[in-house]
Protein backbone atom coordinates (compact mmCIF):
# COMPACT_ATOMS: atom_id res chain seq x y z
CA MET A 1 -0.09 -0.05 -0.40
CA SER A 2 1.24 3.47 -0.85
CA SER A 3 2.00 5.52 1.61
CA ARG A 4 -0.40 8.31 0.04
CA VAL A 5 -3.30 5.90 0.35
CA LEU A 6 -2.33 5.11 4.13
CA HIS A 7 -2.22 9.11 4.75
CA ALA A 8 -5.73 8.94 3.80
CA LEU A 9 -6.90 5.72 5.12
CA LEU A 10 -5.41 7.12 8.82
CA PRO A 11 -7.72 9.87 9.73
CA LEU A 12 -10.67 8.40 7.86
CA THR A 13 -10.31 5.32 10.09
CA GLY A 14 -9.62 7.67 13.02
CA GLY A 15 -13.18 9.76 12.35
CA ALA A 16 -14.92 6.74 11.67
CA LEU A 17 -13.72 5.47 15.36
CA ILE A 18 -14.59 8.87 16.92
CA ALA A 19 -17.99 8.63 15.49
CA ALA A 20 -18.38 4.94 16.85
CA GLN A 21 -17.27 5.66 20.48
CA ALA A 22 -20.11 7.10 21.51
CA PRO A 23 -23.00 4.20 20.40
CA ILE A 24 -20.27 1.56 21.70
CA ASN A 25 -19.88 3.34 24.93
CA ALA A 26 -23.62 3.68 25.29
CA ARG A 27 -24.22 0.27 24.61
CA LEU A 28 -21.98 -1.19 27.15
CA ARG A 29 -23.25 1.51 29.74
CA LEU A 30 -27.06 -0.36 29.11
CA ILE A 31 -25.14 -3.85 29.71
CA LEU A 32 -23.13 -3.10 32.36
CA SER A 33 -26.23 -1.09 33.95
CA SER A 34 -23.88 1.74 35.52
CA PRO A 35 -21.88 4.45 34.02
CA VAL A 36 -19.17 4.58 36.02
CA GLY A 37 -18.55 1.32 35.60
CA SER A 38 -18.88 1.51 31.51
CA GLY A 39 -16.33 4.05 31.78
CA LEU A 40 -13.66 1.88 34.04
CA VAL A 41 -14.09 -0.86 31.54
CA SER A 42 -13.16 1.36 28.65
CA PHE A 43 -10.49 3.18 30.27
CA LEU A 44 -9.19 -0.26 31.12
CA VAL A 45 -9.42 -1.39 27.52
CA GLY A 46 -7.83 1.54 26.41
CA THR A 47 -4.99 1.64 28.96
CA LEU A 48 -4.08 -1.93 28.28
CA ILE A 49 -3.90 -1.09 24.53
CA LEU A 50 -1.63 1.82 25.39
CA VAL A 51 0.41 -0.34 27.15
CA ALA A 52 0.92 -3.05 24.15
CA ALA A 53 1.53 -0.05 22.01
CA VAL A 54 4.34 1.33 24.42
CA VAL A 55 5.87 -1.97 24.65
CA VAL A 56 5.71 -2.78 20.62
CA ALA A 57 6.76 0.87 19.69
CA GLY A 58 9.81 -0.17 21.98
CA ASP A 59 9.76 3.03 24.17
CA ALA A 60 8.89 0.97 27.57
CA GLY A 61 12.19 1.75 29.02
CA SER A 62 12.09 5.52 28.50
CA VAL A 63 8.86 5.62 29.74
CA ALA A 64 9.80 3.80 32.68
CA GLY A 65 12.81 5.64 33.40
CA GLY A 66 10.62 9.17 33.00
CA LEU A 67 7.94 8.24 35.62
CA GLY A 68 8.78 10.26 38.22
CA GLY A 69 10.81 13.46 36.64
CA GLY A 70 8.65 15.81 36.36
CA PRO A 71 6.47 18.00 38.01
CA TRP A 72 3.26 16.66 40.18
CA TRP A 73 0.88 18.32 38.02
CA ALA A 74 2.22 16.95 34.84
CA TYR A 75 0.74 13.69 35.56
CA LEU A 76 -2.86 15.13 35.76
CA GLY A 77 -3.39 15.04 31.84
CA GLY A 78 -5.66 12.26 32.36
CA ALA A 79 -7.93 13.69 34.78
CA CYS A 80 -8.90 16.60 32.81
CA GLY A 81 -10.10 14.38 29.98
């Protein structure tokens, strides 16, 4: 696949996944009968995917080594959304 096609498909895929996120999360909330529980499951799955991406990218050492090196407020980004 050429890089032009890949560069065109990535944002299209990202946009489709963003559009699908709300109904997927809504269904999970119905299944679990808990908005907080569905948020927890959603974030846990996302965290596992990010951990796998860090390992596959070979960045696990630099991420682990950099933890604790910034100011306390630098770690609050996840709480902001």
